[in-house]
PDB file of all heavy atoms in Angstrom:
ATOM      1  N   TRP A   1     -31.207  43.191  74.203  1.00  0.00           N
ATOM      2  CA  TRP A   1     -31.763  43.659  72.938  1.00  0.00           C
ATOM      3  C   TRP A   1     -31.700  42.552  71.890  1.00  0.00           C
ATOM      4  O   TRP A   1     -32.667  42.327  71.156  1.00  0.00           O
ATOM      5  CB  TRP A   1     -31.004  44.907  72.467  1.00  0.00           C
ATOM      6  CG  TRP A   1     -31.390  45.358  71.106  1.00  0.00           C
ATOM      7  CD1 TRP A   1     -32.515  46.056  70.750  1.00  0.00           C
ATOM      8  CD2 TRP A   1     -30.678  45.136  69.890  1.00  0.00           C
ATOM      9  NE1 TRP A   1     -32.530  46.274  69.395  1.00  0.00           N
ATOM     10  CE2 TRP A   1     -31.406  45.720  68.843  1.00  0.00           C
ATOM     11  CE3 TRP A   1     -29.477  44.490  69.594  1.00  0.00           C
ATOM     12  CZ2 TRP A   1     -30.980  45.677  67.527  1.00  0.00           C
ATOM     13  CZ3 TRP A   1     -29.056  44.459  68.280  1.00  0.00           C
ATOM     14  CH2 TRP A   1     -29.807  45.046  67.265  1.00  0.00           C
ATOM     15  N   TYR A   2     -30.572  41.854  71.829  1.00  0.00           N
ATOM     16  CA  TYR A   2     -30.423  40.781  70.852  1.00  0.00           C
ATOM     17  C   TYR A   2     -31.412  39.647  71.143  1.00  0.00           C
ATOM     18  O   TYR A   2     -32.105  39.170  70.242  1.00  0.00           O
ATOM     19  CB  TYR A   2     -28.988  40.235  70.847  1.00  0.00           C
ATOM     20  CG  TYR A   2     -28.825  39.076  69.897  1.00  0.00           C
ATOM     21  CD1 TYR A   2     -28.708  39.287  68.539  1.00  0.00           C
ATOM     22  CD2 TYR A   2     -28.833  37.767  70.365  1.00  0.00           C
ATOM     23  CE1 TYR A   2     -28.594  38.221  67.657  1.00  0.00           C
ATOM     24  CE2 TYR A   2     -28.717  36.702  69.504  1.00  0.00           C
ATOM     25  CZ  TYR A   2     -28.604  36.936  68.150  1.00  0.00           C
ATOM     26  OH  TYR A   2     -28.501  35.882  67.281  1.00  0.00           O
ATOM     27  N   ILE A   3     -31.467  39.209  72.383  1.00  0.00           N
ATOM     28  CA  ILE A   3     -32.305  38.051  72.721  1.00  0.00           C
ATOM     29  C   ILE A   3     -33.794  38.357  72.574  1.00  0.00           C
ATOM     30  O   ILE A   3     -34.566  37.514  72.110  1.00  0.00           O
ATOM     31  CB  ILE A   3     -31.970  37.547  74.143  1.00  0.00           C
ATOM     32  CG1 ILE A   3     -30.582  36.904  74.137  1.00  0.00           C
ATOM     33  CG2 ILE A   3     -33.011  36.573  74.652  1.00  0.00           C
ATOM     34  CD1 ILE A   3     -30.050  36.561  75.505  1.00  0.00           C
ATOM     35  N   LEU A   4     -34.187  39.568  72.951  1.00  0.00           N
ATOM     36  CA  LEU A   4     -35.613  39.895  72.903  1.00  0.00           C
ATOM     37  C   LEU A   4     -36.055  40.450  71.548  1.00  0.00           C
ATOM     38  O   LEU A   4     -37.209  40.289  71.160  1.00  0.00           O
ATOM     39  CB  LEU A   4     -35.955  40.907  73.998  1.00  0.00           C
ATOM     40  CG  LEU A   4     -35.734  40.418  75.431  1.00  0.00           C
ATOM     41  CD1 LEU A   4     -35.991  41.545  76.414  1.00  0.00           C
ATOM     42  CD2 LEU A   4     -36.610  39.216  75.736  1.00  0.00           C
ATOM     43  N   GLY A   5     -35.143  41.099  70.808  1.00  0.00           N
ATOM     44  CA  GLY A   5     -35.543  41.754  69.580  1.00  0.00           C
ATOM     45  C   GLY A   5     -35.067  41.111  68.300  1.00  0.00           C
ATOM     46  O   GLY A   5     -35.822  40.987  67.340  1.00  0.00           O
ATOM     47  N   VAL A   6     -33.812  40.698  68.268  1.00  0.00           N
ATOM     48  CA  VAL A   6     -33.215  40.203  67.032  1.00  0.00           C
ATOM     49  C   VAL A   6     -33.361  38.688  66.901  1.00  0.00           C
ATOM     50  O   VAL A   6     -33.734  38.183  65.835  1.00  0.00           O
ATOM     51  CB  VAL A   6     -31.724  40.618  66.953  1.00  0.00           C
ATOM     52  CG1 VAL A   6     -31.048  40.018  65.738  1.00  0.00           C
ATOM     53  CG2 VAL A   6     -31.599  42.124  66.951  1.00  0.00           C
ATOM     54  N   PHE A   7     -33.057  37.957  67.960  1.00  0.00           N
ATOM     55  CA  PHE A   7     -33.031  36.499  67.869  1.00  0.00           C
ATOM     56  C   PHE A   7     -34.371  35.875  67.484  1.00  0.00           C
ATOM     57  O   PHE A   7     -34.382  34.887  66.731  1.00  0.00           O
ATOM     58  CB  PHE A   7     -32.504  35.869  69.159  1.00  0.00           C
ATOM     59  CG  PHE A   7     -32.376  34.381  69.061  1.00  0.00           C
ATOM     60  CD1 PHE A   7     -31.371  33.811  68.294  1.00  0.00           C
ATOM     61  CD2 PHE A   7     -33.282  33.544  69.686  1.00  0.00           C
ATOM     62  CE1 PHE A   7     -31.261  32.442  68.168  1.00  0.00           C
ATOM     63  CE2 PHE A   7     -33.173  32.176  69.567  1.00  0.00           C
ATOM     64  CZ  PHE A   7     -32.168  31.617  68.811  1.00  0.00           C
ATOM     65  N   PRO A   8     -35.514  36.380  67.965  1.00  0.00           N
ATOM     66  CA  PRO A   8     -36.771  35.741  67.534  1.00  0.00           C
ATOM     67  C   PRO A   8     -36.932  35.707  66.013  1.00  0.00           C
ATOM     68  O   PRO A   8     -37.414  34.708  65.470  1.00  0.00           O
ATOM     69  CB  PRO A   8     -37.851  36.613  68.200  1.00  0.00           C
ATOM     70  CG  PRO A   8     -37.183  37.129  69.421  1.00  0.00           C
ATOM     71  CD  PRO A   8     -35.755  37.372  69.017  1.00  0.00           C
ATOM     72  N   ARG A   9     -36.515  36.769  65.323  1.00  0.00           N
ATOM     73  CA  ARG A   9     -36.600  36.763  63.853  1.00  0.00           C
ATOM     74  C   ARG A   9     -35.621  35.752  63.257  1.00  0.00           C
ATOM     75  O   ARG A   9     -35.949  35.054  62.292  1.00  0.00           O
ATOM     76  CB  ARG A   9     -36.331  38.163  63.308  1.00  0.00           C
ATOM     77  CG  ARG A   9     -37.427  39.156  63.636  1.00  0.00           C
ATOM     78  CD  ARG A   9     -37.268  40.462  62.876  1.00  0.00           C
ATOM     79  NE  ARG A   9     -36.007  41.137  63.129  1.00  0.00           N
ATOM     80  CZ  ARG A   9     -35.806  42.038  64.090  1.00  0.00           C
ATOM     81  NH1 ARG A   9     -36.795  42.365  64.893  1.00  0.00           N
ATOM     82  NH2 ARG A   9     -34.623  42.615  64.233  1.00  0.00           N
ATOM     83  N   GLU A  10     -34.412  35.687  63.827  1.00  0.00           N
ATOM     84  CA  GLU A  10     -33.431  34.710  63.340  1.00  0.00           C
ATOM     85  C   GLU A  10     -33.942  33.289  63.563  1.00  0.00           C
ATOM     86  O   GLU A  10     -33.794  32.431  62.697  1.00  0.00           O
ATOM     87  CB  GLU A  10     -32.089  34.909  64.050  1.00  0.00           C
ATOM     88  CG  GLU A  10     -31.346  36.143  63.616  1.00  0.00           C
ATOM     89  CD  GLU A  10     -30.005  36.302  64.314  1.00  0.00           C
ATOM     90  OE1 GLU A  10     -29.611  35.407  65.099  1.00  0.00           O
ATOM     91  OE2 GLU A  10     -29.342  37.326  64.077  1.00  0.00           O
ATOM     92  N   ARG A  11     -34.528  33.035  64.738  1.00  0.00           N
ATOM     93  CA  ARG A  11     -35.063  31.705  65.037  1.00  0.00           C
ATOM     94  C   ARG A  11     -36.154  31.323  64.046  1.00  0.00           C
ATOM     95  O   ARG A  11     -36.164  30.208  63.519  1.00  0.00           O
ATOM     96  CB  ARG A  11     -35.601  31.662  66.473  1.00  0.00           C
ATOM     97  CG  ARG A  11     -36.125  30.280  66.845  1.00  0.00           C
ATOM     98  CD  ARG A  11     -36.717  30.231  68.240  1.00  0.00           C
ATOM     99  NE  ARG A  11     -37.862  31.114  68.323  1.00  0.00           N
ATOM    100  CZ  ARG A  11     -38.043  32.020  69.269  1.00  0.00           C
ATOM    101  NH1 ARG A  11     -37.143  32.193  70.205  1.00  0.00           N
ATOM    102  NH2 ARG A  11     -39.112  32.781  69.275  1.00  0.00           N
ATOM    103  N   GLU A  12     -37.056  32.258  63.760  1.00  0.00           N
ATOM    104  CA  GLU A  12     -38.133  31.980  62.796  1.00  0.00           C
ATOM    105  C   GLU A  12     -37.576  31.673  61.413  1.00  0.00           C
ATOM    106  O   GLU A  12     -38.079  30.787  60.729  1.00  0.00           O
ATOM    107  CB  GLU A  12     -39.115  33.160  62.737  1.00  0.00           C
ATOM    108  CG  GLU A  12     -39.913  33.370  64.006  1.00  0.00           C
ATOM    109  CD  GLU A  12     -40.672  32.125  64.446  1.00  0.00           C
ATOM    110  OE1 GLU A  12     -41.285  31.452  63.588  1.00  0.00           O
ATOM    111  OE2 GLU A  12     -40.635  31.813  65.651  1.00  0.00           O
ATOM    112  N   GLN A  13     -36.520  32.377  61.005  1.00  0.00           N
ATOM    113  CA  GLN A  13     -35.915  32.126  59.703  1.00  0.00           C
ATOM    114  C   GLN A  13     -35.264  30.746  59.665  1.00  0.00           C
ATOM    115  O   GLN A  13     -35.395  30.013  58.672  1.00  0.00           O
ATOM    116  CB  GLN A  13     -34.881  33.213  59.368  1.00  0.00           C
ATOM    117  CG  GLN A  13     -34.303  33.093  57.978  1.00  0.00           C
ATOM    118  CD  GLN A  13     -35.366  33.206  56.889  1.00  0.00           C
ATOM    119  OE1 GLN A  13     -36.235  34.066  56.955  1.00  0.00           O
ATOM    120  NE2 GLN A  13     -35.307  32.329  55.909  1.00  0.00           N
ATOM    121  N   ILE A  14     -34.573  30.360  60.735  1.00  0.00           N
ATOM    122  CA  ILE A  14     -33.947  29.034  60.791  1.00  0.00           C
ATOM    123  C   ILE A  14     -35.018  27.944  60.734  1.00  0.00           C
ATOM    124  O   ILE A  14     -34.883  26.967  59.997  1.00  0.00           O
ATOM    125  CB  ILE A  14     -33.086  28.894  62.073  1.00  0.00           C
ATOM    126  CG1 ILE A  14     -31.866  29.818  61.996  1.00  0.00           C
ATOM    127  CG2 ILE A  14     -32.646  27.447  62.275  1.00  0.00           C
ATOM    128  CD1 ILE A  14     -31.103  29.935  63.311  1.00  0.00           C
ATOM    129  N   ILE A  15     -36.090  28.128  61.487  1.00  0.00           N
ATOM    130  CA  ILE A  15     -37.176  27.134  61.496  1.00  0.00           C
ATOM    131  C   ILE A  15     -37.836  27.060  60.123  1.00  0.00           C
ATOM    132  O   ILE A  15     -38.137  25.965  59.629  1.00  0.00           O
ATOM    133  CB  ILE A  15     -38.206  27.470  62.605  1.00  0.00           C
ATOM    134  CG1 ILE A  15     -37.565  27.291  63.981  1.00  0.00           C
ATOM    135  CG2 ILE A  15     -39.451  26.615  62.473  1.00  0.00           C
ATOM    136  CD1 ILE A  15     -38.385  27.850  65.120  1.00  0.00           C
ATOM    137  N   LYS A  16     -38.027  28.217  59.498  1.00  0.00           N
ATOM    138  CA  LYS A  16     -38.623  28.244  58.155  1.00  0.00           C
ATOM    139  C   LYS A  16     -37.720  27.502  57.164  1.00  0.00           C
ATOM    140  O   LYS A  16     -38.202  26.715  56.343  1.00  0.00           O
ATOM    141  CB  LYS A  16     -38.830  29.689  57.704  1.00  0.00           C
ATOM    142  CG  LYS A  16     -39.605  29.814  56.403  1.00  0.00           C
ATOM    143  CD  LYS A  16     -39.671  31.242  55.899  1.00  0.00           C
ATOM    144  CE  LYS A  16     -40.338  32.147  56.896  1.00  0.00           C
ATOM    145  NZ  LYS A  16     -40.441  33.544  56.398  1.00  0.00           N
ATOM    146  N   ASN A  17     -36.407  27.734  57.246  1.00  0.00           N
ATOM    147  CA  ASN A  17     -35.461  27.039  56.361  1.00  0.00           C
ATOM    148  C   ASN A  17     -35.491  25.534  56.610  1.00  0.00           C
ATOM    149  O   ASN A  17     -35.418  24.740  55.676  1.00  0.00           O
ATOM    150  CB  ASN A  17     -34.048  27.573  56.558  1.00  0.00           C
ATOM    151  CG  ASN A  17     -33.871  28.987  56.044  1.00  0.00           C
ATOM    152  OD1 ASN A  17     -34.729  29.500  55.323  1.00  0.00           O
ATOM    153  ND2 ASN A  17     -32.784  29.611  56.432  1.00  0.00           N
ATOM    154  N   TRP A  18     -35.581  25.132  57.877  1.00  0.00           N
ATOM    155  CA  TRP A  18     -35.608  23.708  58.212  1.00  0.00           C
ATOM    156  C   TRP A  18     -36.898  23.067  57.690  1.00  0.00           C
ATOM    157  O   TRP A  18     -36.862  21.979  57.113  1.00  0.00           O
ATOM    158  CB  TRP A  18     -35.475  23.509  59.717  1.00  0.00           C
ATOM    159  CG  TRP A  18     -35.567  22.074  60.125  1.00  0.00           C
ATOM    160  CD1 TRP A  18     -36.586  21.464  60.776  1.00  0.00           C
ATOM    161  CD2 TRP A  18     -34.594  21.046  59.887  1.00  0.00           C
ATOM    162  NE1 TRP A  18     -36.315  20.136  60.971  1.00  0.00           N
ATOM    163  CE2 TRP A  18     -35.099  19.852  60.432  1.00  0.00           C
ATOM    164  CE3 TRP A  18     -33.352  21.023  59.264  1.00  0.00           C
ATOM    165  CZ2 TRP A  18     -34.396  18.653  60.380  1.00  0.00           C
ATOM    166  CZ3 TRP A  18     -32.661  19.825  59.215  1.00  0.00           C
ATOM    167  CH2 TRP A  18     -33.188  18.660  59.768  1.00  0.00           C
ATOM    168  N   ASN A  19     -38.020  23.729  57.911  1.00  0.00           N
ATOM    169  CA  ASN A  19     -39.295  23.170  57.461  1.00  0.00           C
ATOM    170  C   ASN A  19     -39.396  23.134  55.933  1.00  0.00           C
ATOM    171  O   ASN A  19     -40.134  22.315  55.385  1.00  0.00           O
ATOM    172  CB  ASN A  19     -40.464  23.957  58.055  1.00  0.00           C
ATOM    173  CG  ASN A  19     -40.601  23.702  59.540  1.00  0.00           C
ATOM    174  OD1 ASN A  19     -40.192  22.657  60.059  1.00  0.00           O
ATOM    175  ND2 ASN A  19     -41.164  24.663  60.254  1.00  0.00           N
ATOM    176  N   ALA A  20     -38.658  24.010  55.247  1.00  0.00           N
ATOM    177  CA  ALA A  20     -38.685  24.025  53.779  1.00  0.00           C
ATOM    178  C   ALA A  20     -37.876  22.877  53.189  1.00  0.00           C
ATOM    179  O   ALA A  20     -38.049  22.543  52.012  1.00  0.00           O
ATOM    180  CB  ALA A  20     -38.159  25.366  53.265  1.00  0.00           C
ATOM    181  N   ARG A  21     -36.994  22.287  53.986  1.00  0.00           N
ATOM    182  CA  ARG A  21     -36.181  21.180  53.487  1.00  0.00           C
ATOM    183  C   ARG A  21     -37.056  19.940  53.287  1.00  0.00           C
ATOM    184  O   ARG A  21     -37.894  19.629  54.120  1.00  0.00           O
ATOM    185  CB  ARG A  21     -35.072  20.829  54.480  1.00  0.00           C
ATOM    186  CG  ARG A  21     -33.962  21.860  54.567  1.00  0.00           C
ATOM    187  CD  ARG A  21     -32.861  21.372  55.497  1.00  0.00           C
ATOM    188  NE  ARG A  21     -32.341  20.071  55.119  1.00  0.00           N
ATOM    189  CZ  ARG A  21     -31.388  19.871  54.210  1.00  0.00           C
ATOM    190  NH1 ARG A  21     -30.870  20.880  53.575  1.00  0.00           N
ATOM    191  NH2 ARG A  21     -30.963  18.665  53.932  1.00  0.00           N
ATOM    192  N   GLU A  22     -36.805  19.258  52.195  1.00  0.00           N
ATOM    193  CA  GLU A  22     -37.527  18.008  51.973  1.00  0.00           C
ATOM    194  C   GLU A  22     -36.864  16.868  52.729  1.00  0.00           C
ATOM    195  O   GLU A  22     -37.542  16.009  53.269  1.00  0.00           O
ATOM    196  CB  GLU A  22     -37.586  17.707  50.470  1.00  0.00           C
ATOM    197  CG  GLU A  22     -38.490  18.667  49.724  1.00  0.00           C
ATOM    198  CD  GLU A  22     -38.667  18.251  48.284  1.00  0.00           C
ATOM    199  OE1 GLU A  22     -38.513  17.058  47.980  1.00  0.00           O
ATOM    200  OE2 GLU A  22     -38.981  19.135  47.472  1.00  0.00           O
ATOM    201  N   ASP A  23     -35.542  16.888  52.758  1.00  0.00           N
ATOM    202  CA  ASP A  23     -34.788  15.824  53.419  1.00  0.00           C
ATOM    203  C   ASP A  23     -34.472  16.277  54.852  1.00  0.00           C
ATOM    204  O   ASP A  23     -33.723  17.222  55.067  1.00  0.00           O
ATOM    205  CB  ASP A  23     -33.489  15.562  52.651  1.00  0.00           C
ATOM    206  CG  ASP A  23     -32.573  14.609  53.387  1.00  0.00           C
ATOM    207  OD1 ASP A  23     -33.091  13.778  54.162  1.00  0.00           O
ATOM    208  OD2 ASP A  23     -31.348  14.718  53.199  1.00  0.00           O
ATOM    209  N   LYS A  24     -35.091  15.590  55.812  1.00  0.00           N
ATOM    210  CA  LYS A  24     -34.832  15.918  57.219  1.00  0.00           C
ATOM    211  C   LYS A  24     -34.277  14.730  57.993  1.00  0.00           C
ATOM    212  O   LYS A  24     -34.065  14.830  59.195  1.00  0.00           O
ATOM    213  CB  LYS A  24     -36.120  16.386  57.900  1.00  0.00           C
ATOM    214  CG  LYS A  24     -36.657  17.670  57.339  1.00  0.00           C
ATOM    215  CD  LYS A  24     -37.928  18.074  58.029  1.00  0.00           C
ATOM    216  CE  LYS A  24     -38.480  19.313  57.375  1.00  0.00           C
ATOM    217  NZ  LYS A  24     -39.811  19.641  57.841  1.00  0.00           N
ATOM    218  N   THR A  25     -34.058  13.621  57.299  1.00  0.00           N
ATOM    219  CA  THR A  25     -33.668  12.407  58.018  1.00  0.00           C
ATOM    220  C   THR A  25     -32.264  11.920  57.696  1.00  0.00           C
ATOM    221  O   THR A  25     -31.726  11.102  58.435  1.00  0.00           O
ATOM    222  CB  THR A  25     -34.659  11.272  57.714  1.00  0.00           C
ATOM    223  OG1 THR A  25     -34.689  11.050  56.304  1.00  0.00           O
ATOM    224  CG2 THR A  25     -36.053  11.612  58.222  1.00  0.00           C
ATOM    225  N   SER A  26     -31.670  12.395  56.642  1.00  0.00           N
ATOM    226  CA  SER A  26     -30.354  11.885  56.255  1.00  0.00           C
ATOM    227  C   SER A  26     -29.273  12.411  57.193  1.00  0.00           C
ATOM    228  O   SER A  26     -29.483  13.338  57.979  1.00  0.00           O
ATOM    229  CB  SER A  26     -30.024  12.295  54.811  1.00  0.00           C
ATOM    230  OG  SER A  26     -29.751  13.685  54.753  1.00  0.00           O
ATOM    231  N   TRP A  27     -28.107  11.810  57.051  1.00  0.00           N
ATOM    232  CA  TRP A  27     -26.961  12.228  57.859  1.00  0.00           C
ATOM    233  C   TRP A  27     -26.625  13.687  57.560  1.00  0.00           C
ATOM    234  O   TRP A  27     -26.331  14.460  58.469  1.00  0.00           O
ATOM    235  CB  TRP A  27     -25.769  11.315  57.533  1.00  0.00           C
ATOM    236  CG  TRP A  27     -24.561  11.610  58.346  1.00  0.00           C
ATOM    237  CD1 TRP A  27     -24.264  11.109  59.576  1.00  0.00           C
ATOM    238  CD2 TRP A  27     -23.480  12.483  57.986  1.00  0.00           C
ATOM    239  NE1 TRP A  27     -23.070  11.611  60.014  1.00  0.00           N
ATOM    240  CE2 TRP A  27     -22.558  12.469  59.052  1.00  0.00           C
ATOM    241  CE3 TRP A  27     -23.200  13.279  56.883  1.00  0.00           C
ATOM    242  CZ2 TRP A  27     -21.377  13.199  59.037  1.00  0.00           C
ATOM    243  CZ3 TRP A  27     -22.036  14.016  56.870  1.00  0.00           C
ATOM    244  CH2 TRP A  27     -21.137  13.965  57.948  1.00  0.00           C
ATOM    245  N   TYR A  28     -26.695  14.069  56.289  1.00  0.00           N
ATOM    246  CA  TYR A  28     -26.401  15.448  55.893  1.00  0.00           C
ATOM    247  C   TYR A  28     -27.412  16.428  56.491  1.00  0.00           C
ATOM    248  O   TYR A  28     -27.045  17.520  56.929  1.00  0.00           O
ATOM    249  CB  TYR A  28     -26.377  15.576  54.362  1.00  0.00           C
ATOM    250  CG  TYR A  28     -25.236  14.837  53.738  1.00  0.00           C
ATOM    251  CD1 TYR A  28     -25.441  13.655  53.037  1.00  0.00           C
ATOM    252  CD2 TYR A  28     -23.931  15.310  53.869  1.00  0.00           C
ATOM    253  CE1 TYR A  28     -24.384  12.955  52.477  1.00  0.00           C
ATOM    254  CE2 TYR A  28     -22.873  14.623  53.316  1.00  0.00           C
ATOM    255  CZ  TYR A  28     -23.103  13.448  52.616  1.00  0.00           C
ATOM    256  OH  TYR A  28     -22.046  12.771  52.077  1.00  0.00           O
ATOM    257  N   ALA A  29     -28.665  16.049  56.496  1.00  0.00           N
ATOM    258  CA  ALA A  29     -29.706  16.910  57.072  1.00  0.00           C
ATOM    259  C   ALA A  29     -29.452  17.133  58.563  1.00  0.00           C
ATOM    260  O   ALA A  29     -29.608  18.247  59.073  1.00  0.00           O
ATOM    261  CB  ALA A  29     -31.081  16.299  56.851  1.00  0.00           C
ATOM    262  N   HIS A  30     -29.048  16.073  59.247  1.00  0.00           N
ATOM    263  CA  HIS A  30     -28.756  16.197  60.686  1.00  0.00           C
ATOM    264  C   HIS A  30     -27.556  17.123  60.919  1.00  0.00           C
ATOM    265  O   HIS A  30     -27.540  17.897  61.885  1.00  0.00           O
ATOM    266  CB  HIS A  30     -28.509  14.818  61.308  1.00  0.00           C
ATOM    267  CG  HIS A  30     -29.755  14.027  61.475  1.00  0.00           C
ATOM    268  ND1 HIS A  30     -30.467  14.010  62.641  1.00  0.00           N
ATOM    269  CD2 HIS A  30     -30.428  13.232  60.599  1.00  0.00           C
ATOM    270  CE1 HIS A  30     -31.532  13.231  62.499  1.00  0.00           C
ATOM    271  NE2 HIS A  30     -31.527  12.744  61.261  1.00  0.00           N
ATOM    272  N   ARG A  31     -26.542  17.016  60.051  1.00  0.00           N
ATOM    273  CA  ARG A  31     -25.366  17.895  60.196  1.00  0.00           C
ATOM    274  C   ARG A  31     -25.739  19.355  59.932  1.00  0.00           C
ATOM    275  O   ARG A  31     -25.261  20.263  60.610  1.00  0.00           O
ATOM    276  CB  ARG A  31     -24.235  17.479  59.248  1.00  0.00           C
ATOM    277  CG  ARG A  31     -23.660  16.084  59.460  1.00  0.00           C
ATOM    278  CD  ARG A  31     -23.046  15.817  60.832  1.00  0.00           C
ATOM    279  NE  ARG A  31     -23.932  15.516  61.922  1.00  0.00           N
ATOM    280  CZ  ARG A  31     -24.535  14.346  62.186  1.00  0.00           C
ATOM    281  NH1 ARG A  31     -24.358  13.318  61.411  1.00  0.00           N
ATOM    282  NH2 ARG A  31     -25.310  14.198  63.231  1.00  0.00           N
ATOM    283  N   ILE A  32     -26.597  19.582  58.934  1.00  0.00           N
ATOM    284  CA  ILE A  32     -27.054  20.947  58.637  1.00  0.00           C
ATOM    285  C   ILE A  32     -27.848  21.496  59.818  1.00  0.00           C
ATOM    286  O   ILE A  32     -27.641  22.642  60.243  1.00  0.00           O
ATOM    287  CB  ILE A  32     -27.886  20.973  57.333  1.00  0.00           C
ATOM    288  CG1 ILE A  32     -26.971  20.714  56.135  1.00  0.00           C
ATOM    289  CG2 ILE A  32     -28.643  22.289  57.185  1.00  0.00           C
ATOM    290  CD1 ILE A  32     -27.708  20.474  54.841  1.00  0.00           C
ATOM    291  N   ARG A  33     -28.717  20.672  60.371  1.00  0.00           N
ATOM    292  CA  ARG A  33     -29.503  21.084  61.543  1.00  0.00           C
ATOM    293  C   ARG A  33     -28.576  21.435  62.690  1.00  0.00           C
ATOM    294  O   ARG A  33     -28.741  22.476  63.352  1.00  0.00           O
ATOM    295  CB  ARG A  33     -30.454  19.953  61.932  1.00  0.00           C
ATOM    296  CG  ARG A  33     -31.282  20.231  63.165  1.00  0.00           C
ATOM    297  CD  ARG A  33     -32.164  19.012  63.496  1.00  0.00           C
ATOM    298  NE  ARG A  33     -32.937  19.224  64.689  1.00  0.00           N
ATOM    299  CZ  ARG A  33     -32.512  18.943  65.913  1.00  0.00           C
ATOM    300  NH1 ARG A  33     -31.301  18.445  66.095  1.00  0.00           N
ATOM    301  NH2 ARG A  33     -33.289  19.159  66.945  1.00  0.00           N
ATOM    302  N   GLU A  34     -27.586  20.585  62.952  1.00  0.00           N
ATOM    303  CA  GLU A  34     -26.637  20.843  64.037  1.00  0.00           C
ATOM    304  C   GLU A  34     -25.848  22.127  63.790  1.00  0.00           C
ATOM    305  O   GLU A  34     -25.580  22.887  64.723  1.00  0.00           O
ATOM    306  CB  GLU A  34     -25.678  19.670  64.202  1.00  0.00           C
ATOM    307  CG  GLU A  34     -26.308  18.450  64.828  1.00  0.00           C
ATOM    308  CD  GLU A  34     -25.374  17.249  64.833  1.00  0.00           C
ATOM    309  OE1 GLU A  34     -24.160  17.429  64.566  1.00  0.00           O
ATOM    310  OE2 GLU A  34     -25.856  16.141  65.108  1.00  0.00           O
ATOM    311  N   ALA A  35     -25.474  22.377  62.544  1.00  0.00           N
ATOM    312  CA  ALA A  35     -24.720  23.593  62.220  1.00  0.00           C
ATOM    313  C   ALA A  35     -25.571  24.836  62.466  1.00  0.00           C
ATOM    314  O   ALA A  35     -25.080  25.822  63.021  1.00  0.00           O
ATOM    315  CB  ALA A  35     -24.239  23.546  60.774  1.00  0.00           C
TER     316      ALA A  35
END
C-alpha cells in the first residue's frame, strides 16, 4: 500500500522541492539531496 499508493506522491513532492531549488551544485545542495 505504501509503495504503490503513498510513496509516488512523496516522490513527486521531493522532486518538486529539488527542482524548485536554485542551487543544485553546491556542497550543501548535494547534502540536502542525499538527506
